[in-house]
Amino acid sequence: MYFFFPYPIDSAAEAYIVTAIRGNVLFFLPAIGLGLWFSRGHDLFERRNSFILALLPPSLVFLVAYQFFRMKPAFIRGDYTLLFYPYAAFIFLVMMAILPATAEGRGASTIRKISSATYHIFLFQIFYFSIVWHLWAGFLGIPTIEVGSVQVFLDLWLYIPYYLMNLTITFLGGLLWYELETRARLRRGF
């Protein structure tokens, strides 16, 4: 893909092909592999997980260069490459060590329900934002200026209500979808 469709992409057909390829599950295989690996043991200091400690420094250097200095190698397009995952895996391992094994308290049932519905929330976000983006192209409507290659909102206070509204809609939509699917599955005996 990197050799056949170099930047800048010249046509809508090329953009569609690149998007279809980048949206393929194969780009997520490193993350899926790490998830499967950690399902068998997620102690940060286990010998089998020591590779994360070795991959963390190059990952951090890459992320700082990529995010803050806009250094993007020609072969990297998008944010789903092997160099992004060790940092997230390290945070996951640290959180698994810090968080208690059983959740108790008032918010535990809410967090449990949201965590069970994360995939549905994600799918609803894709659905929701694709509709919003295509039907309402200027959906932000907040003036921005470009500082270097970064868009900066001129009035952050206008963005916060927009963000909270979208977060509420997508969470409620994903939770509703999860509930309806769970009830239908239980009704059918699955």
C-alpha atoms as a PDB file:
ATOM      1  CA  MET A   1       0.000   0.000   0.000  1.00  0.00           C
ATOM      2  CA  TYR A   2       2.799   2.402   0.872  1.00  0.00           C
ATOM      3  CA  PHE A   3       4.491   1.974  -2.498  1.00  0.00           C
ATOM      4  CA  PHE A   4       1.410   1.851  -4.736  1.00  0.00           C
ATOM      5  CA  PHE A   5      -0.427   4.798  -3.105  1.00  0.00           C
ATOM      6  CA  PRO A   6       2.209   7.369  -2.074  1.00  0.00           C
ATOM      7  CA  TYR A   7       1.145  10.668  -0.522  1.00  0.00           C
ATOM      8  CA  PRO A   8      -0.513  12.821  -1.637  1.00  0.00           C
ATOM      9  CA  ILE A   9      -3.377  10.620  -2.716  1.00  0.00           C
ATOM     10  CA  ASP A  10      -4.618  11.854  -6.075  1.00  0.00           C
ATOM     11  CA  SER A  11      -8.127  10.508  -6.431  1.00  0.00           C
ATOM     12  CA  ALA A  12     -11.206   9.492  -4.495  1.00  0.00           C
ATOM     13  CA  ALA A  13     -10.721   5.903  -5.678  1.00  0.00           C
ATOM     14  CA  GLU A  14      -7.193   5.794  -4.223  1.00  0.00           C
ATOM     15  CA  ALA A  15      -8.448   7.336  -0.974  1.00  0.00           C
ATOM     16  CA  TYR A  16     -11.175   4.694  -0.763  1.00  0.00           C
ATOM     17  CA  ILE A  17      -8.721   1.836  -1.357  1.00  0.00           C
ATOM     18  CA  VAL A  18      -6.256   3.159   1.239  1.00  0.00           C
ATOM     19  CA  THR A  19      -9.064   3.621   3.763  1.00  0.00           C
ATOM     20  CA  ALA A  20     -10.412   0.126   3.126  1.00  0.00           C
ATOM     21  CA  ILE A  21      -6.964  -1.370   3.623  1.00  0.00           C
ATOM     22  CA  ARG A  22      -6.227   0.659   6.772  1.00  0.00           C
ATOM     23  CA  GLY A  23      -9.601  -0.299   8.231  1.00  0.00           C
ATOM     24  CA  ASN A  24      -8.763  -3.976   7.824  1.00  0.00           C
ATOM     25  CA  VAL A  25      -8.350  -6.081  10.957  1.00  0.00           C
ATOM     26  CA  LEU A  26      -4.828  -7.029   9.845  1.00  0.00           C
ATOM     27  CA  PHE A  27      -3.628  -3.591  10.955  1.00  0.00           C
ATOM     28  CA  PHE A  28      -4.817  -4.405  14.467  1.00  0.00           C
ATOM     29  CA  LEU A  29      -3.084  -7.794  14.704  1.00  0.00           C
ATOM     30  CA  PRO A  30      -0.283  -6.517  16.980  1.00  0.00           C
ATOM     31  CA  ALA A  31      -2.864  -5.226  19.475  1.00  0.00           C
ATOM     32  CA  ILE A  32      -4.970  -8.378  19.183  1.00  0.00           C
ATOM     33  CA  GLY A  33      -1.849 -10.486  19.688  1.00  0.00           C
ATOM     34  CA  LEU A  34      -0.873  -8.509  22.803  1.00  0.00           C
ATOM     35  CA  GLY A  35      -4.391  -8.890  24.186  1.00  0.00           C
ATOM     36  CA  LEU A  36      -4.275 -12.644  23.668  1.00  0.00           C
ATOM     37  CA  TRP A  37      -0.785 -12.786  25.178  1.00  0.00           C
ATOM     38  CA  PHE A  38      -1.874 -10.892  28.305  1.00  0.00           C
ATOM     39  CA  SER A  39      -4.979 -13.032  28.696  1.00  0.00           C
ATOM     40  CA  ARG A  40      -2.640 -15.800  29.906  1.00  0.00           C
ATOM     41  CA  GLY A  41      -0.918 -13.590  32.486  1.00  0.00           C
ATOM     42  CA  HIS A  42      -0.699  -9.852  33.006  1.00  0.00           C
ATOM     43  CA  ASP A  43       1.850  -9.426  35.765  1.00  0.00           C
ATOM     44  CA  LEU A  44       4.218  -6.655  34.687  1.00  0.00           C
ATOM     45  CA  PHE A  45       7.226  -8.367  36.234  1.00  0.00           C
ATOM     46  CA  GLU A  46       6.610 -11.862  34.861  1.00  0.00           C
ATOM     47  CA  ARG A  47       9.492 -13.035  32.731  1.00  0.00           C
ATOM     48  CA  ARG A  48       7.171 -13.680  29.796  1.00  0.00           C
ATOM     49  CA  ASN A  49       6.080 -10.004  29.777  1.00  0.00           C
ATOM     50  CA  SER A  50       9.571  -8.495  30.014  1.00  0.00           C
ATOM     51  CA  PHE A  51       9.534  -7.708  26.280  1.00  0.00           C
ATOM     52  CA  ILE A  52       7.160  -4.818  27.020  1.00  0.00           C
ATOM     53  CA  LEU A  53       9.777  -3.200  29.250  1.00  0.00           C
ATOM     54  CA  ALA A  54      12.283  -3.586  26.402  1.00  0.00           C
ATOM     55  CA  LEU A  55       9.896  -2.141  23.790  1.00  0.00           C
ATOM     56  CA  LEU A  56       8.678   0.740  25.985  1.00  0.00           C
ATOM     57  CA  PRO A  57      11.658   3.140  25.475  1.00  0.00           C
ATOM     58  CA  PRO A  58      11.639   2.941  21.644  1.00  0.00           C
ATOM     59  CA  SER A  59       7.866   3.277  21.712  1.00  0.00           C
ATOM     60  CA  LEU A  60       8.039   6.397  23.897  1.00  0.00           C
ATOM     61  CA  VAL A  61      10.736   7.969  21.710  1.00  0.00           C
ATOM     62  CA  PHE A  62       8.672   7.238  18.606  1.00  0.00           C
ATOM     63  CA  LEU A  63       5.456   8.587  20.150  1.00  0.00           C
ATOM     64  CA  VAL A  64       7.095  11.841  21.288  1.00  0.00           C
ATOM     65  CA  ALA A  65       8.704  12.332  17.865  1.00  0.00           C
ATOM     66  CA  TYR A  66       5.453  11.452  16.088  1.00  0.00           C
ATOM     67  CA  GLN A  67       3.085  13.505  18.225  1.00  0.00           C
ATOM     68  CA  PHE A  68       5.063  16.561  19.294  1.00  0.00           C
ATOM     69  CA  PHE A  69       7.630  17.000  16.540  1.00  0.00           C
ATOM     70  CA  ARG A  70       5.466  15.691  13.673  1.00  0.00           C
ATOM     71  CA  MET A  71       8.209  13.292  12.577  1.00  0.00           C
ATOM     72  CA  LYS A  72       6.330  10.736  10.527  1.00  0.00           C
ATOM     73  CA  PRO A  73       8.304   8.123   8.630  1.00  0.00           C
ATOM     74  CA  ALA A  74       7.058   7.607   5.073  1.00  0.00           C
ATOM     75  CA  PHE A  75       6.078   4.000   5.795  1.00  0.00           C
ATOM     76  CA  ILE A  76       3.732   4.911   8.668  1.00  0.00           C
ATOM     77  CA  ARG A  77       0.213   6.016   7.875  1.00  0.00           C
ATOM     78  CA  GLY A  78      -2.277   6.237  10.674  1.00  0.00           C
ATOM     79  CA  ASP A  79      -2.008   5.470  14.340  1.00  0.00           C
ATOM     80  CA  TYR A  80      -2.205   1.688  14.272  1.00  0.00           C
ATOM     81  CA  THR A  81       1.302   0.347  13.949  1.00  0.00           C
ATOM     82  CA  LEU A  82       3.436  -1.897  16.115  1.00  0.00           C
ATOM     83  CA  LEU A  83       5.330   1.130  17.450  1.00  0.00           C
ATOM     84  CA  PHE A  84       2.205   2.514  19.156  1.00  0.00           C
ATOM     85  CA  TYR A  85       1.202  -0.581  21.122  1.00  0.00           C
ATOM     86  CA  PRO A  86       4.011  -1.139  23.694  1.00  0.00           C
ATOM     87  CA  TYR A  87       3.146   2.142  25.412  1.00  0.00           C
ATOM     88  CA  ALA A  88      -0.532   1.204  25.717  1.00  0.00           C
ATOM     89  CA  ALA A  89       0.402  -2.341  26.788  1.00  0.00           C
ATOM     90  CA  PHE A  90       2.638  -0.948  29.535  1.00  0.00           C
ATOM     91  CA  ILE A  91      -0.199   1.256  30.836  1.00  0.00           C
ATOM     92  CA  PHE A  92      -2.509  -1.774  30.759  1.00  0.00           C
ATOM     93  CA  LEU A  93      -0.046  -3.886  32.768  1.00  0.00           C
ATOM     94  CA  VAL A  94       0.473  -1.123  35.335  1.00  0.00           C
ATOM     95  CA  MET A  95      -3.284  -0.621  35.734  1.00  0.00           C
ATOM     96  CA  MET A  96      -3.850  -4.374  36.131  1.00  0.00           C
ATOM     97  CA  ALA A  97      -1.302  -4.320  38.959  1.00  0.00           C
ATOM     98  CA  ILE A  98      -2.841  -1.277  40.667  1.00  0.00           C
ATOM     99  CA  LEU A  99      -6.577  -1.917  40.323  1.00  0.00           C
ATOM    100  CA  PRO A 100      -8.274  -4.353  42.704  1.00  0.00           C
ATOM    101  CA  ALA A 101      -9.278  -7.771  41.373  1.00  0.00           C
ATOM    102  CA  THR A 102     -12.936  -7.339  42.384  1.00  0.00           C
ATOM    103  CA  ALA A 103     -14.870  -4.133  41.934  1.00  0.00           C
ATOM    104  CA  GLU A 104     -17.005  -3.036  44.837  1.00  0.00           C
ATOM    105  CA  GLY A 105     -18.890   0.132  45.551  1.00  0.00           C
ATOM    106  CA  ARG A 106     -21.635   2.249  44.075  1.00  0.00           C
ATOM    107  CA  GLY A 107     -20.065   2.910  40.697  1.00  0.00           C
ATOM    108  CA  ALA A 108     -18.924  -0.685  40.143  1.00  0.00           C
ATOM    109  CA  SER A 109     -22.146  -1.831  38.468  1.00  0.00           C
ATOM    110  CA  THR A 110     -22.143   1.184  36.135  1.00  0.00           C
ATOM    111  CA  ILE A 111     -18.504   0.644  35.215  1.00  0.00           C
ATOM    112  CA  ARG A 112     -19.174  -3.074  34.722  1.00  0.00           C
ATOM    113  CA  LYS A 113     -22.065  -2.334  32.371  1.00  0.00           C
ATOM    114  CA  ILE A 114     -20.053   0.233  30.385  1.00  0.00           C
ATOM    115  CA  SER A 115     -17.080  -2.117  30.135  1.00  0.00           C
ATOM    116  CA  SER A 116     -19.358  -4.896  28.868  1.00  0.00           C
ATOM    117  CA  ALA A 117     -20.757  -2.559  26.228  1.00  0.00           C
ATOM    118  CA  THR A 118     -17.478  -0.976  25.021  1.00  0.00           C
ATOM    119  CA  TYR A 119     -17.559  -2.739  21.656  1.00  0.00           C
ATOM    120  CA  HIS A 120     -21.151  -1.613  21.064  1.00  0.00           C
ATOM    121  CA  ILE A 121     -20.239   1.937  22.114  1.00  0.00           C
ATOM    122  CA  PHE A 122     -17.319   1.862  19.670  1.00  0.00           C
ATOM    123  CA  LEU A 123     -19.527   0.617  16.822  1.00  0.00           C
ATOM    124  CA  PHE A 124     -22.171   3.212  17.640  1.00  0.00           C
ATOM    125  CA  GLN A 125     -19.506   5.948  17.577  1.00  0.00           C
ATOM    126  CA  ILE A 126     -18.405   4.845  14.106  1.00  0.00           C
ATOM    127  CA  PHE A 127     -22.027   4.841  12.921  1.00  0.00           C
ATOM    128  CA  TYR A 128     -22.892   8.151  14.601  1.00  0.00           C
ATOM    129  CA  PHE A 129     -19.844  10.112  13.470  1.00  0.00           C
ATOM    130  CA  SER A 130     -20.060   8.815   9.900  1.00  0.00           C
ATOM    131  CA  ILE A 131     -23.601  10.160   9.699  1.00  0.00           C
ATOM    132  CA  VAL A 132     -22.748  13.461  11.417  1.00  0.00           C
ATOM    133  CA  TRP A 133     -19.665  13.942   9.234  1.00  0.00           C
ATOM    134  CA  HIS A 134     -21.515  13.347   5.948  1.00  0.00           C
ATOM    135  CA  LEU A 135     -24.772  15.150   6.740  1.00  0.00           C
ATOM    136  CA  TRP A 136     -23.320  18.082   8.615  1.00  0.00           C
ATOM    137  CA  ALA A 137     -19.847  18.812   7.239  1.00  0.00           C
ATOM    138  CA  GLY A 138     -19.379  21.919   9.370  1.00  0.00           C
ATOM    139  CA  PHE A 139     -20.607  20.135  12.467  1.00  0.00           C
ATOM    140  CA  LEU A 140     -18.042  21.750  14.725  1.00  0.00           C
ATOM    141  CA  GLY A 141     -18.642  25.297  13.583  1.00  0.00           C
ATOM    142  CA  ILE A 142     -15.947  26.466  15.989  1.00  0.00           C
ATOM    143  CA  PRO A 143     -13.362  28.838  14.543  1.00  0.00           C
ATOM    144  CA  THR A 144      -9.841  27.417  14.486  1.00  0.00           C
ATOM    145  CA  ILE A 145      -6.406  28.624  13.578  1.00  0.00           C
ATOM    146  CA  GLU A 146      -3.549  26.499  12.352  1.00  0.00           C
ATOM    147  CA  VAL A 147      -0.412  26.657  14.481  1.00  0.00           C
ATOM    148  CA  GLY A 148       2.236  24.727  12.601  1.00  0.00           C
ATOM    149  CA  SER A 149       0.335  21.646  11.526  1.00  0.00           C
ATOM    150  CA  VAL A 150      -2.019  21.591  14.531  1.00  0.00           C
ATOM    151  CA  GLN A 151      -5.581  22.927  14.545  1.00  0.00           C
ATOM    152  CA  VAL A 152      -6.208  25.021  17.683  1.00  0.00           C
ATOM    153  CA  PHE A 153      -9.746  25.928  18.726  1.00  0.00           C
ATOM    154  CA  LEU A 154     -10.123  29.652  19.287  1.00  0.00           C
ATOM    155  CA  ASP A 155     -12.823  29.206  21.898  1.00  0.00           C
ATOM    156  CA  LEU A 156     -12.386  25.998  23.867  1.00  0.00           C
ATOM    157  CA  TRP A 157     -15.557  26.710  25.853  1.00  0.00           C
ATOM    158  CA  LEU A 158     -17.580  26.159  22.667  1.00  0.00           C
ATOM    159  CA  TYR A 159     -15.917  22.798  22.080  1.00  0.00           C
ATOM    160  CA  ILE A 160     -16.514  21.332  25.554  1.00  0.00           C
ATOM    161  CA  PRO A 161     -20.363  21.260  25.324  1.00  0.00           C
ATOM    162  CA  TYR A 162     -20.102  19.788  21.809  1.00  0.00           C
ATOM    163  CA  TYR A 163     -17.736  17.086  23.093  1.00  0.00           C
ATOM    164  CA  LEU A 164     -19.951  16.266  26.087  1.00  0.00           C
ATOM    165  CA  MET A 165     -23.038  16.097  23.883  1.00  0.00           C
ATOM    166  CA  ASN A 166     -21.371  13.642  21.481  1.00  0.00           C
ATOM    167  CA  LEU A 167     -19.969  11.585  24.346  1.00  0.00           C
ATOM    168  CA  THR A 168     -23.422  11.332  25.929  1.00  0.00           C
ATOM    169  CA  ILE A 169     -25.149  10.412  22.652  1.00  0.00           C
ATOM    170  CA  THR A 170     -22.605   7.746  21.714  1.00  0.00           C
ATOM    171  CA  PHE A 171     -22.445   6.190  25.191  1.00  0.00           C
ATOM    172  CA  LEU A 172     -26.221   6.048  25.526  1.00  0.00           C
ATOM    173  CA  GLY A 173     -26.615   4.726  21.970  1.00  0.00           C
ATOM    174  CA  GLY A 174     -23.993   2.025  22.513  1.00  0.00           C
ATOM    175  CA  LEU A 175     -25.464   1.035  25.894  1.00  0.00           C
ATOM    176  CA  LEU A 176     -28.973   0.865  24.418  1.00  0.00           C
ATOM    177  CA  TRP A 177     -27.703  -1.287  21.533  1.00  0.00           C
ATOM    178  CA  TYR A 178     -25.932  -3.603  23.987  1.00  0.00           C
ATOM    179  CA  GLU A 179     -29.053  -3.933  26.168  1.00  0.00           C
ATOM    180  CA  LEU A 180     -31.330  -4.664  23.208  1.00  0.00           C
ATOM    181  CA  GLU A 181     -28.920  -7.223  21.795  1.00  0.00           C
ATOM    182  CA  THR A 182     -28.449  -8.907  25.196  1.00  0.00           C
ATOM    183  CA  ARG A 183     -32.200  -9.149  25.776  1.00  0.00           C
ATOM    184  CA  ALA A 184     -32.772 -10.536  22.269  1.00  0.00           C
ATOM    185  CA  ARG A 185     -29.997 -13.083  22.800  1.00  0.00           C
ATOM    186  CA  LEU A 186     -31.423 -14.176  26.158  1.00  0.00           C
ATOM    187  CA  ARG A 187     -34.910 -14.434  24.674  1.00  0.00           C
ATOM    188  CA  ARG A 188     -33.601 -16.771  21.977  1.00  0.00           C
ATOM    189  CA  GLY A 189     -31.673 -18.840  24.518  1.00  0.00           C
ATOM    190  CA  PHE A 190     -28.126 -17.937  23.431  1.00  0.00           C
END
